[in-house]
Amino acid sequence: MIKLKIKSGDSVRVIAGDHKGEEGKVLRVLKEKNKAVVEGVNMVSKHVKPSAANPQGGIVKKEAPIHISNIALIDPKTNKTTRVAFKVEGGKKVRVSKKSNQVL
């Protein structure tokens, strides 16, 4: 398993696939599958049986996971996609943007 450079809460842009160009916030990272769930991206229709929580049942739209290689982190300073490096600052390992050299 590789070290993932994207965490939940990050702003990302889809760089490949059907949803290319769409942006959103990472809701969840599935580390074992190298996938992430991005808010408002890769929406799928899921059929839901009636239950106590959802007595009507029906079809629900929800986000499906997208592969980590198809998303890129957005640099908060330049608002463009960037790669991520790791640096040790003050005894702590931090993520740094390759474009603006700013701590993420």
PDB file of N, CA and C in Angstrom:
ATOM      1  N   MET A   1       0.840  -1.181   0.000  1.00  0.00           N
ATOM      2  CA  MET A   1       0.000   0.000   0.000  1.00  0.00           C
ATOM      3  C   MET A   1       0.887   1.248   0.000  1.00  0.00           C
ATOM      4  N   ILE A   2       0.533   2.211  -0.858  1.00  0.00           N
ATOM      5  CA  ILE A   2       1.335   3.416  -0.971  1.00  0.00           C
ATOM      6  C   ILE A   2       0.861   4.491   0.003  1.00  0.00           C
ATOM      7  N   LYS A   3       1.726   5.440   0.288  1.00  0.00           N
ATOM      8  CA  LYS A   3       1.384   6.576   1.155  1.00  0.00           C
ATOM      9  C   LYS A   3       0.560   7.554   0.337  1.00  0.00           C
ATOM     10  N   LEU A   4      -0.654   7.840   0.812  1.00  0.00           N
ATOM     11  CA  LEU A   4      -1.542   8.747   0.097  1.00  0.00           C
ATOM     12  C   LEU A   4      -1.257  10.188   0.491  1.00  0.00           C
ATOM     13  N   LYS A   5      -1.291  11.071  -0.484  1.00  0.00           N
ATOM     14  CA  LYS A   5      -0.989  12.477  -0.235  1.00  0.00           C
ATOM     15  C   LYS A   5      -2.243  13.323  -0.164  1.00  0.00           C
ATOM     16  N   ILE A   6      -3.403  12.670  -0.200  1.00  0.00           N
ATOM     17  CA  ILE A   6      -4.679  13.375  -0.123  1.00  0.00           C
ATOM     18  C   ILE A   6      -5.389  12.944   1.152  1.00  0.00           C
ATOM     19  N   LYS A   7      -5.929  13.927   1.884  1.00  0.00           N
ATOM     20  CA  LYS A   7      -6.633  13.645   3.129  1.00  0.00           C
ATOM     21  C   LYS A   7      -8.065  14.133   3.010  1.00  0.00           C
ATOM     22  N   SER A   8      -8.930  13.667   3.911  1.00  0.00           N
ATOM     23  CA  SER A   8     -10.309  14.143   3.891  1.00  0.00           C
ATOM     24  C   SER A   8     -10.322  15.614   4.291  1.00  0.00           C
ATOM     25  N   GLY A   9     -11.175  16.385   3.609  1.00  0.00           N
ATOM     26  CA  GLY A   9     -11.237  17.823   3.843  1.00  0.00           C
ATOM     27  C   GLY A   9     -10.475  18.627   2.806  1.00  0.00           C
ATOM     28  N   ASP A  10      -9.625  17.974   2.000  1.00  0.00           N
ATOM     29  CA  ASP A  10      -8.858  18.665   0.952  1.00  0.00           C
ATOM     30  C   ASP A  10      -9.769  19.052  -0.208  1.00  0.00           C
ATOM     31  N   SER A  11      -9.439  20.168  -0.859  1.00  0.00           N
ATOM     32  CA  SER A  11     -10.115  20.543  -2.099  1.00  0.00           C
ATOM     33  C   SER A  11      -9.354  19.909  -3.251  1.00  0.00           C
ATOM     34  N   VAL A  12     -10.083  19.188  -4.113  1.00  0.00           N
ATOM     35  CA  VAL A  12      -9.440  18.484  -5.220  1.00  0.00           C
ATOM     36  C   VAL A  12     -10.168  18.753  -6.529  1.00  0.00           C
ATOM     37  N   ARG A  13      -9.464  18.520  -7.643  1.00  0.00           N
ATOM     38  CA  ARG A  13     -10.044  18.623  -8.986  1.00  0.00           C
ATOM     39  C   ARG A  13      -9.831  17.282  -9.674  1.00  0.00           C
ATOM     40  N   VAL A  14     -10.847  16.814 -10.397  1.00  0.00           N
ATOM     41  CA  VAL A  14     -10.737  15.562 -11.147  1.00  0.00           C
ATOM     42  C   VAL A  14      -9.941  15.853 -12.414  1.00  0.00           C
ATOM     43  N   ILE A  15      -8.874  15.075 -12.653  1.00  0.00           N
ATOM     44  CA  ILE A  15      -7.986  15.344 -13.791  1.00  0.00           C
ATOM     45  C   ILE A  15      -8.125  14.313 -14.905  1.00  0.00           C
ATOM     46  N   ALA A  16      -8.927  13.253 -14.675  1.00  0.00           N
ATOM     47  CA  ALA A  16      -9.113  12.228 -15.706  1.00  0.00           C
ATOM     48  C   ALA A  16     -10.455  11.546 -15.518  1.00  0.00           C
ATOM     49  N   GLY A  17     -10.996  11.037 -16.608  1.00  0.00           N
ATOM     50  CA  GLY A  17     -12.241  10.277 -16.532  1.00  0.00           C
ATOM     51  C   GLY A  17     -13.456  11.092 -16.946  1.00  0.00           C
ATOM     52  N   ASP A  18     -14.636  10.529 -16.710  1.00  0.00           N
ATOM     53  CA  ASP A  18     -15.902  11.147 -17.121  1.00  0.00           C
ATOM     54  C   ASP A  18     -16.175  12.473 -16.432  1.00  0.00           C
ATOM     55  N   HIS A  19     -15.643  12.667 -15.242  1.00  0.00           N
ATOM     56  CA  HIS A  19     -15.935  13.869 -14.452  1.00  0.00           C
ATOM     57  C   HIS A  19     -14.771  14.851 -14.463  1.00  0.00           C
ATOM     58  N   LYS A  20     -13.941  14.795 -15.496  1.00  0.00           N
ATOM     59  CA  LYS A  20     -12.764  15.654 -15.606  1.00  0.00           C
ATOM     60  C   LYS A  20     -13.140  17.128 -15.501  1.00  0.00           C
ATOM     61  N   GLY A  21     -12.390  17.863 -14.666  1.00  0.00           N
ATOM     62  CA  GLY A  21     -12.618  19.291 -14.498  1.00  0.00           C
ATOM     63  C   GLY A  21     -13.500  19.642 -13.309  1.00  0.00           C
ATOM     64  N   GLU A  22     -14.230  18.671 -12.769  1.00  0.00           N
ATOM     65  CA  GLU A  22     -15.098  18.944 -11.628  1.00  0.00           C
ATOM     66  C   GLU A  22     -14.270  19.062 -10.352  1.00  0.00           C
ATOM     67  N   GLU A  23     -14.742  19.919  -9.436  1.00  0.00           N
ATOM     68  CA  GLU A  23     -14.038  20.144  -8.178  1.00  0.00           C
ATOM     69  C   GLU A  23     -14.939  19.807  -7.009  1.00  0.00           C
ATOM     70  N   GLY A  24     -14.314  19.479  -5.886  1.00  0.00           N
ATOM     71  CA  GLY A  24     -15.075  19.186  -4.681  1.00  0.00           C
ATOM     72  C   GLY A  24     -14.156  18.942  -3.508  1.00  0.00           C
ATOM     73  N   LYS A  25     -14.777  18.701  -2.364  1.00  0.00           N
ATOM     74  CA  LYS A  25     -14.052  18.447  -1.134  1.00  0.00           C
ATOM     75  C   LYS A  25     -14.037  16.944  -0.883  1.00  0.00           C
ATOM     76  N   VAL A  26     -12.909  16.420  -0.424  1.00  0.00           N
ATOM     77  CA  VAL A  26     -12.792  14.993  -0.134  1.00  0.00           C
ATOM     78  C   VAL A  26     -13.567  14.702   1.152  1.00  0.00           C
ATOM     79  N   LEU A  27     -14.545  13.801   1.048  1.00  0.00           N
ATOM     80  CA  LEU A  27     -15.347  13.431   2.210  1.00  0.00           C
ATOM     81  C   LEU A  27     -14.709  12.280   2.979  1.00  0.00           C
ATOM     82  N   ARG A  28     -14.142  11.318   2.238  1.00  0.00           N
ATOM     83  CA  ARG A  28     -13.586  10.112   2.842  1.00  0.00           C
ATOM     84  C   ARG A  28     -12.475   9.577   1.966  1.00  0.00           C
ATOM     85  N   VAL A  29     -11.442   8.993   2.569  1.00  0.00           N
ATOM     86  CA  VAL A  29     -10.370   8.346   1.820  1.00  0.00           C
ATOM     87  C   VAL A  29     -10.391   6.856   2.167  1.00  0.00           C
ATOM     88  N   LEU A  30     -10.491   6.026   1.132  1.00  0.00           N
ATOM     89  CA  LEU A  30     -10.475   4.575   1.308  1.00  0.00           C
ATOM     90  C   LEU A  30      -9.053   4.101   1.022  1.00  0.00           C
ATOM     91  N   LYS A  31      -8.225   4.070   2.066  1.00  0.00           N
ATOM     92  CA  LYS A  31      -6.800   3.824   1.918  1.00  0.00           C
ATOM     93  C   LYS A  31      -6.484   2.459   1.308  1.00  0.00           C
ATOM     94  N   GLU A  32      -7.227   1.419   1.732  1.00  0.00           N
ATOM     95  CA  GLU A  32      -6.932   0.061   1.258  1.00  0.00           C
ATOM     96  C   GLU A  32      -7.248  -0.126  -0.217  1.00  0.00           C
ATOM     97  N   LYS A  33      -8.142   0.723  -0.772  1.00  0.00           N
ATOM     98  CA  LYS A  33      -8.517   0.619  -2.189  1.00  0.00           C
ATOM     99  C   LYS A  33      -7.906   1.734  -3.038  1.00  0.00           C
ATOM    100  N   ASN A  34      -7.140   2.646  -2.426  1.00  0.00           N
ATOM    101  CA  ASN A  34      -6.554   3.808  -3.109  1.00  0.00           C
ATOM    102  C   ASN A  34      -7.622   4.651  -3.791  1.00  0.00           C
ATOM    103  N   LYS A  35      -8.740   4.869  -3.090  1.00  0.00           N
ATOM    104  CA  LYS A  35      -9.845   5.643  -3.649  1.00  0.00           C
ATOM    105  C   LYS A  35     -10.269   6.713  -2.657  1.00  0.00           C
ATOM    106  N   ALA A  36     -10.985   7.714  -3.178  1.00  0.00           N
ATOM    107  CA  ALA A  36     -11.508   8.788  -2.337  1.00  0.00           C
ATOM    108  C   ALA A  36     -12.927   9.110  -2.782  1.00  0.00           C
ATOM    109  N   VAL A  37     -13.755   9.540  -1.835  1.00  0.00           N
ATOM    110  CA  VAL A  37     -15.110   9.976  -2.132  1.00  0.00           C
ATOM    111  C   VAL A  37     -15.083  11.500  -2.130  1.00  0.00           C
ATOM    112  N   VAL A  38     -15.437  12.100  -3.294  1.00  0.00           N
ATOM    113  CA  VAL A  38     -15.385  13.553  -3.449  1.00  0.00           C
ATOM    114  C   VAL A  38     -16.812  14.094  -3.525  1.00  0.00           C
ATOM    115  N   GLU A  39     -17.069  15.158  -2.784  1.00  0.00           N
ATOM    116  CA  GLU A  39     -18.398  15.756  -2.690  1.00  0.00           C
ATOM    117  C   GLU A  39     -18.891  16.236  -4.054  1.00  0.00           C
ATOM    118  N   GLY A  40     -20.044  15.720  -4.488  1.00  0.00           N
ATOM    119  CA  GLY A  40     -20.670  16.160  -5.738  1.00  0.00           C
ATOM    120  C   GLY A  40     -20.055  15.599  -7.008  1.00  0.00           C
ATOM    121  N   VAL A  41     -19.106  14.680  -6.895  1.00  0.00           N
ATOM    122  CA  VAL A  41     -18.432  14.102  -8.068  1.00  0.00           C
ATOM    123  C   VAL A  41     -18.719  12.606  -8.112  1.00  0.00           C
ATOM    124  N   ASN A  42     -18.902  12.060  -9.322  1.00  0.00           N
ATOM    125  CA  ASN A  42     -19.147  10.631  -9.540  1.00  0.00           C
ATOM    126  C   ASN A  42     -20.420  10.183  -8.826  1.00  0.00           C
ATOM    127  N   MET A  43     -21.511  10.922  -9.071  1.00  0.00           N
ATOM    128  CA  MET A  43     -22.799  10.609  -8.451  1.00  0.00           C
ATOM    129  C   MET A  43     -23.412   9.375  -9.117  1.00  0.00           C
ATOM    130  N   VAL A  44     -23.903   8.449  -8.300  1.00  0.00           N
ATOM    131  CA  VAL A  44     -24.553   7.243  -8.799  1.00  0.00           C
ATOM    132  C   VAL A  44     -25.935   7.132  -8.176  1.00  0.00           C
ATOM    133  N   SER A  45     -26.835   6.423  -8.871  1.00  0.00           N
ATOM    134  CA  SER A  45     -28.179   6.174  -8.351  1.00  0.00           C
ATOM    135  C   SER A  45     -28.179   4.846  -7.630  1.00  0.00           C
ATOM    136  N   LYS A  46     -28.612   4.859  -6.379  1.00  0.00           N
ATOM    137  CA  LYS A  46     -28.643   3.634  -5.587  1.00  0.00           C
ATOM    138  C   LYS A  46     -30.086   3.342  -5.207  1.00  0.00           C
ATOM    139  N   HIS A  47     -30.533   2.113  -5.464  1.00  0.00           N
ATOM    140  CA  HIS A  47     -31.886   1.703  -5.105  1.00  0.00           C
ATOM    141  C   HIS A  47     -31.900   1.324  -3.627  1.00  0.00           C
ATOM    142  N   VAL A  48     -32.814   1.937  -2.870  1.00  0.00           N
ATOM    143  CA  VAL A  48     -32.860   1.729  -1.426  1.00  0.00           C
ATOM    144  C   VAL A  48     -34.199   1.102  -1.049  1.00  0.00           C
ATOM    145  N   LYS A  49     -34.142   0.008  -0.284  1.00  0.00           N
ATOM    146  CA  LYS A  49     -35.362  -0.640   0.204  1.00  0.00           C
ATOM    147  C   LYS A  49     -35.976   0.211   1.309  1.00  0.00           C
ATOM    148  N   PRO A  50     -37.282   0.197   1.455  1.00  0.00           N
ATOM    149  CA  PRO A  50     -37.899   0.924   2.565  1.00  0.00           C
ATOM    150  C   PRO A  50     -37.409   0.394   3.914  1.00  0.00           C
ATOM    151  N   SER A  51     -37.113   1.313   4.833  1.00  0.00           N
ATOM    152  CA  SER A  51     -36.657   0.944   6.169  1.00  0.00           C
ATOM    153  C   SER A  51     -37.225   1.951   7.166  1.00  0.00           C
ATOM    154  N   ALA A  52     -36.874   1.797   8.421  1.00  0.00           N
ATOM    155  CA  ALA A  52     -37.355   2.725   9.448  1.00  0.00           C
ATOM    156  C   ALA A  52     -36.802   4.127   9.208  1.00  0.00           C
ATOM    157  N   ALA A  53     -35.532   4.203   8.786  1.00  0.00           N
ATOM    158  CA  ALA A  53     -34.907   5.505   8.522  1.00  0.00           C
ATOM    159  C   ALA A  53     -35.458   6.136   7.247  1.00  0.00           C
ATOM    160  N   ASN A  54     -35.773   5.304   6.245  1.00  0.00           N
ATOM    161  CA  ASN A  54     -36.283   5.776   4.967  1.00  0.00           C
ATOM    162  C   ASN A  54     -37.537   4.967   4.612  1.00  0.00           C
ATOM    163  N   PRO A  55     -38.708   5.358   5.156  1.00  0.00           N
ATOM    164  CA  PRO A  55     -39.909   4.539   4.956  1.00  0.00           C
ATOM    165  C   PRO A  55     -40.392   4.478   3.508  1.00  0.00           C
ATOM    166  N   GLN A  56     -40.061   5.484   2.713  1.00  0.00           N
ATOM    167  CA  GLN A  56     -40.501   5.525   1.321  1.00  0.00           C
ATOM    168  C   GLN A  56     -39.652   4.610   0.428  1.00  0.00           C
ATOM    169  N   GLY A  57     -38.344   4.522   0.733  1.00  0.00           N
ATOM    170  CA  GLY A  57     -37.445   3.762  -0.140  1.00  0.00           C
ATOM    171  C   GLY A  57     -37.198   4.560  -1.406  1.00  0.00           C
ATOM    172  N   GLY A  58     -36.918   3.888  -2.535  1.00  0.00           N
ATOM    173  CA  GLY A  58     -36.752   4.572  -3.809  1.00  0.00           C
ATOM    174  C   GLY A  58     -35.309   4.656  -4.255  1.00  0.00           C
ATOM    175  N   ILE A  59     -35.044   5.633  -5.118  1.00  0.00           N
ATOM    176  CA  ILE A  59     -33.711   5.799  -5.706  1.00  0.00           C
ATOM    177  C   ILE A  59     -33.038   6.997  -5.060  1.00  0.00           C
ATOM    178  N   VAL A  60     -31.826   6.787  -4.556  1.00  0.00           N
ATOM    179  CA  VAL A  60     -31.071   7.830  -3.870  1.00  0.00           C
ATOM    180  C   VAL A  60     -29.800   8.117  -4.658  1.00  0.00           C
ATOM    181  N   LYS A  61     -29.478   9.395  -4.844  1.00  0.00           N
ATOM    182  CA  LYS A  61     -28.216   9.790  -5.492  1.00  0.00           C
ATOM    183  C   LYS A  61     -27.147   9.909  -4.422  1.00  0.00           C
ATOM    184  N   LYS A  62     -25.985   9.291  -4.652  1.00  0.00           N
ATOM    185  CA  LYS A  62     -24.880   9.405  -3.704  1.00  0.00           C
ATOM    186  C   LYS A  62     -23.549   9.362  -4.443  1.00  0.00           C
ATOM    187  N   GLU A  63     -22.494   9.817  -3.756  1.00  0.00           N
ATOM    188  CA  GLU A  63     -21.165   9.840  -4.360  1.00  0.00           C
ATOM    189  C   GLU A  63     -20.541   8.445  -4.303  1.00  0.00           C
ATOM    190  N   ALA A  64     -19.901   8.062  -5.397  1.00  0.00           N
ATOM    191  CA  ALA A  64     -19.161   6.801  -5.442  1.00  0.00           C
ATOM    192  C   ALA A  64     -17.671   7.136  -5.373  1.00  0.00           C
ATOM    193  N   PRO A  65     -16.850   6.199  -4.883  1.00  0.00           N
ATOM    194  CA  PRO A  65     -15.409   6.460  -4.804  1.00  0.00           C
ATOM    195  C   PRO A  65     -14.779   6.648  -6.188  1.00  0.00           C
ATOM    196  N   ILE A  66     -13.740   7.471  -6.230  1.00  0.00           N
ATOM    197  CA  ILE A  66     -12.980   7.710  -7.462  1.00  0.00           C
ATOM    198  C   ILE A  66     -11.515   7.433  -7.139  1.00  0.00           C
ATOM    199  N   HIS A  67     -10.771   6.884  -8.095  1.00  0.00           N
ATOM    200  CA  HIS A  67      -9.383   6.501  -7.838  1.00  0.00           C
ATOM    201  C   HIS A  67      -8.524   7.728  -7.556  1.00  0.00           C
ATOM    202  N   ILE A  68      -7.590   7.561  -6.623  1.00  0.00           N
ATOM    203  CA  ILE A  68      -6.701   8.653  -6.199  1.00  0.00           C
ATOM    204  C   ILE A  68      -5.902   9.225  -7.377  1.00  0.00           C
ATOM    205  N   SER A  69      -5.536   8.370  -8.342  1.00  0.00           N
ATOM    206  CA  SER A  69      -4.728   8.830  -9.479  1.00  0.00           C
ATOM    207  C   SER A  69      -5.501   9.767 -10.394  1.00  0.00           C
ATOM    208  N   ASN A  70      -6.835   9.779 -10.279  1.00  0.00           N
ATOM    209  CA  ASN A  70      -7.659  10.627 -11.138  1.00  0.00           C
ATOM    210  C   ASN A  70      -8.012  11.969 -10.512  1.00  0.00           C
ATOM    211  N   ILE A  71      -7.494  12.242  -9.311  1.00  0.00           N
ATOM    212  CA  ILE A  71      -7.752  13.535  -8.676  1.00  0.00           C
ATOM    213  C   ILE A  71      -6.434  14.199  -8.288  1.00  0.00           C
ATOM    214  N   ALA A  72      -6.446  15.532  -8.286  1.00  0.00           N
ATOM    215  CA  ALA A  72      -5.261  16.291  -7.909  1.00  0.00           C
ATOM    216  C   ALA A  72      -5.654  17.359  -6.903  1.00  0.00           C
ATOM    217  N   LEU A  73      -4.771  17.600  -5.969  1.00  0.00           N
ATOM    218  CA  LEU A  73      -4.999  18.592  -4.925  1.00  0.00           C
ATOM    219  C   LEU A  73      -4.977  19.997  -5.515  1.00  0.00           C
ATOM    220  N   ILE A  74      -5.846  20.886  -5.016  1.00  0.00           N
ATOM    221  CA  ILE A  74      -5.861  22.273  -5.476  1.00  0.00           C
ATOM    222  C   ILE A  74      -5.074  23.117  -4.488  1.00  0.00           C
ATOM    223  N   ASP A  75      -4.103  23.875  -5.012  1.00  0.00           N
ATOM    224  CA  ASP A  75      -3.290  24.771  -4.198  1.00  0.00           C
ATOM    225  C   ASP A  75      -4.170  25.947  -3.746  1.00  0.00           C
ATOM    226  N   PRO A  76      -4.296  26.187  -2.435  1.00  0.00           N
ATOM    227  CA  PRO A  76      -5.166  27.271  -1.966  1.00  0.00           C
ATOM    228  C   PRO A  76      -4.691  28.665  -2.387  1.00  0.00           C
ATOM    229  N   LYS A  77      -3.394  28.815  -2.636  1.00  0.00           N
ATOM    230  CA  LYS A  77      -2.846  30.123  -3.004  1.00  0.00           C
ATOM    231  C   LYS A  77      -3.093  30.462  -4.475  1.00  0.00           C
ATOM    232  N   THR A  78      -2.813  29.502  -5.379  1.00  0.00           N
ATOM    233  CA  THR A  78      -2.918  29.757  -6.815  1.00  0.00           C
ATOM    234  C   THR A  78      -4.223  29.248  -7.426  1.00  0.00           C
ATOM    235  N   ASN A  79      -4.959  28.412  -6.695  1.00  0.00           N
ATOM    236  CA  ASN A  79      -6.204  27.794  -7.165  1.00  0.00           C
ATOM    237  C   ASN A  79      -5.985  26.900  -8.391  1.00  0.00           C
ATOM    238  N   LYS A  80      -4.775  26.354  -8.526  1.00  0.00           N
ATOM    239  CA  LYS A  80      -4.449  25.414  -9.592  1.00  0.00           C
ATOM    240  C   LYS A  80      -4.063  24.086  -8.967  1.00  0.00           C
ATOM    241  N   THR A  81      -4.101  23.017  -9.778  1.00  0.00           N
ATOM    242  CA  THR A  81      -3.712  21.707  -9.251  1.00  0.00           C
ATOM    243  C   THR A  81      -2.224  21.683  -8.974  1.00  0.00           C
ATOM    244  N   THR A  82      -1.846  20.942  -7.956  1.00  0.00           N
ATOM    245  CA  THR A  82      -0.449  20.867  -7.556  1.00  0.00           C
ATOM    246  C   THR A  82      -0.119  19.463  -7.070  1.00  0.00           C
ATOM    247  N   ARG A  83       1.170  19.143  -7.116  1.00  0.00           N
ATOM    248  CA  ARG A  83       1.639  17.904  -6.509  1.00  0.00           C
ATOM    249  C   ARG A  83       2.024  18.209  -5.067  1.00  0.00           C
ATOM    250  N   VAL A  84       2.242  17.163  -4.300  1.00  0.00           N
ATOM    251  CA  VAL A  84       2.499  17.333  -2.873  1.00  0.00           C
ATOM    252  C   VAL A  84       3.853  16.748  -2.505  1.00  0.00           C
ATOM    253  N   ALA A  85       4.597  17.482  -1.667  1.00  0.00           N
ATOM    254  CA  ALA A  85       5.864  16.999  -1.127  1.00  0.00           C
ATOM    255  C   ALA A  85       5.733  16.970   0.388  1.00  0.00           C
ATOM    256  N   PHE A  86       6.601  16.219   1.033  1.00  0.00           N
ATOM    257  CA  PHE A  86       6.628  16.188   2.494  1.00  0.00           C
ATOM    258  C   PHE A  86       7.917  16.827   2.969  1.00  0.00           C
ATOM    259  N   LYS A  87       7.816  17.674   4.008  1.00  0.00           N
ATOM    260  CA  LYS A  87       8.989  18.300   4.616  1.00  0.00           C
ATOM    261  C   LYS A  87       8.858  18.183   6.124  1.00  0.00           C
ATOM    262  N   VAL A  88       9.989  18.240   6.812  1.00  0.00           N
ATOM    263  CA  VAL A  88       9.977  18.241   8.267  1.00  0.00           C
ATOM    264  C   VAL A  88      10.241  19.672   8.723  1.00  0.00           C
ATOM    265  N   GLU A  89       9.240  20.244   9.410  1.00  0.00           N
ATOM    266  CA  GLU A  89       9.374  21.603   9.926  1.00  0.00           C
ATOM    267  C   GLU A  89       9.111  21.588  11.416  1.00  0.00           C
ATOM    268  N   GLY A  90      10.106  22.004  12.182  1.00  0.00           N
ATOM    269  CA  GLY A  90       9.947  22.041  13.640  1.00  0.00           C
ATOM    270  C   GLY A  90       9.673  20.675  14.241  1.00  0.00           C
ATOM    271  N   GLY A  91      10.279  19.641  13.678  1.00  0.00           N
ATOM    272  CA  GLY A  91      10.100  18.290  14.196  1.00  0.00           C
ATOM    273  C   GLY A  91       8.805  17.625  13.759  1.00  0.00           C
ATOM    274  N   LYS A  92       8.009  18.293  12.908  1.00  0.00           N
ATOM    275  CA  LYS A  92       6.751  17.720  12.418  1.00  0.00           C
ATOM    276  C   LYS A  92       6.813  17.536  10.921  1.00  0.00           C
ATOM    277  N   LYS A  93       6.243  16.434  10.450  1.00  0.00           N
ATOM    278  CA  LYS A  93       6.180  16.162   9.013  1.00  0.00           C
ATOM    279  C   LYS A  93       4.946  16.861   8.451  1.00  0.00           C
ATOM    280  N   VAL A  94       5.152  17.756   7.474  1.00  0.00           N
ATOM    281  CA  VAL A  94       4.037  18.517   6.909  1.00  0.00           C
ATOM    282  C   VAL A  94       3.982  18.326   5.396  1.00  0.00           C
ATOM    283  N   ARG A  95       2.769  18.525   4.831  1.00  0.00           N
ATOM    284  CA  ARG A  95       2.602  18.463   3.384  1.00  0.00           C
ATOM    285  C   ARG A  95       2.847  19.855   2.816  1.00  0.00           C
ATOM    286  N   VAL A  96       3.568  19.913   1.693  1.00  0.00           N
ATOM    287  CA  VAL A  96       3.924  21.187   1.069  1.00  0.00           C
ATOM    288  C   VAL A  96       3.537  21.146  -0.401  1.00  0.00           C
ATOM    289  N   SER A  97       2.959  22.252  -0.896  1.00  0.00           N
ATOM    290  CA  SER A  97       2.600  22.371  -2.305  1.00  0.00           C
ATOM    291  C   SER A  97       3.859  22.536  -3.140  1.00  0.00           C
ATOM    292  N   LYS A  98       3.930  21.811  -4.258  1.00  0.00           N
ATOM    293  CA  LYS A  98       5.100  21.911  -5.137  1.00  0.00           C
ATOM    294  C   LYS A  98       5.101  23.222  -5.914  1.00  0.00           C
ATOM    295  N   LYS A  99       3.901  23.793  -6.205  1.00  0.00           N
ATOM    296  CA  LYS A  99       3.834  25.006  -6.999  1.00  0.00           C
ATOM    297  C   LYS A  99       4.142  26.254  -6.192  1.00  0.00           C
ATOM    298  N   SER A 100       3.502  26.401  -5.021  1.00  0.00           N
ATOM    299  CA  SER A 100       3.678  27.643  -4.246  1.00  0.00           C
ATOM    300  C   SER A 100       4.615  27.451  -3.052  1.00  0.00           C
ATOM    301  N   ASN A 101       5.064  26.221  -2.811  1.00  0.00           N
ATOM    302  CA  ASN A 101       5.962  25.905  -1.692  1.00  0.00           C
ATOM    303  C   ASN A 101       5.342  26.282  -0.350  1.00  0.00           C
ATOM    304  N   GLN A 102       4.005  26.229  -0.277  1.00  0.00           N
ATOM    305  CA  GLN A 102       3.275  26.609   0.916  1.00  0.00           C
ATOM    306  C   GLN A 102       2.800  25.367   1.659  1.00  0.00           C
ATOM    307  N   VAL A 103       2.796  25.425   2.984  1.00  0.00           N
ATOM    308  CA  VAL A 103       2.337  24.285   3.785  1.00  0.00           C
ATOM    309  C   VAL A 103       0.835  24.120   3.618  1.00  0.00           C
ATOM    310  N   LEU A 104       0.409  22.888   3.375  1.00  0.00           N
ATOM    311  CA  LEU A 104      -1.025  22.614   3.170  1.00  0.00           C
ATOM    312  C   LEU A 104      -1.689  22.225   4.476  1.00  0.00           C
TER     313      LEU A 104
END
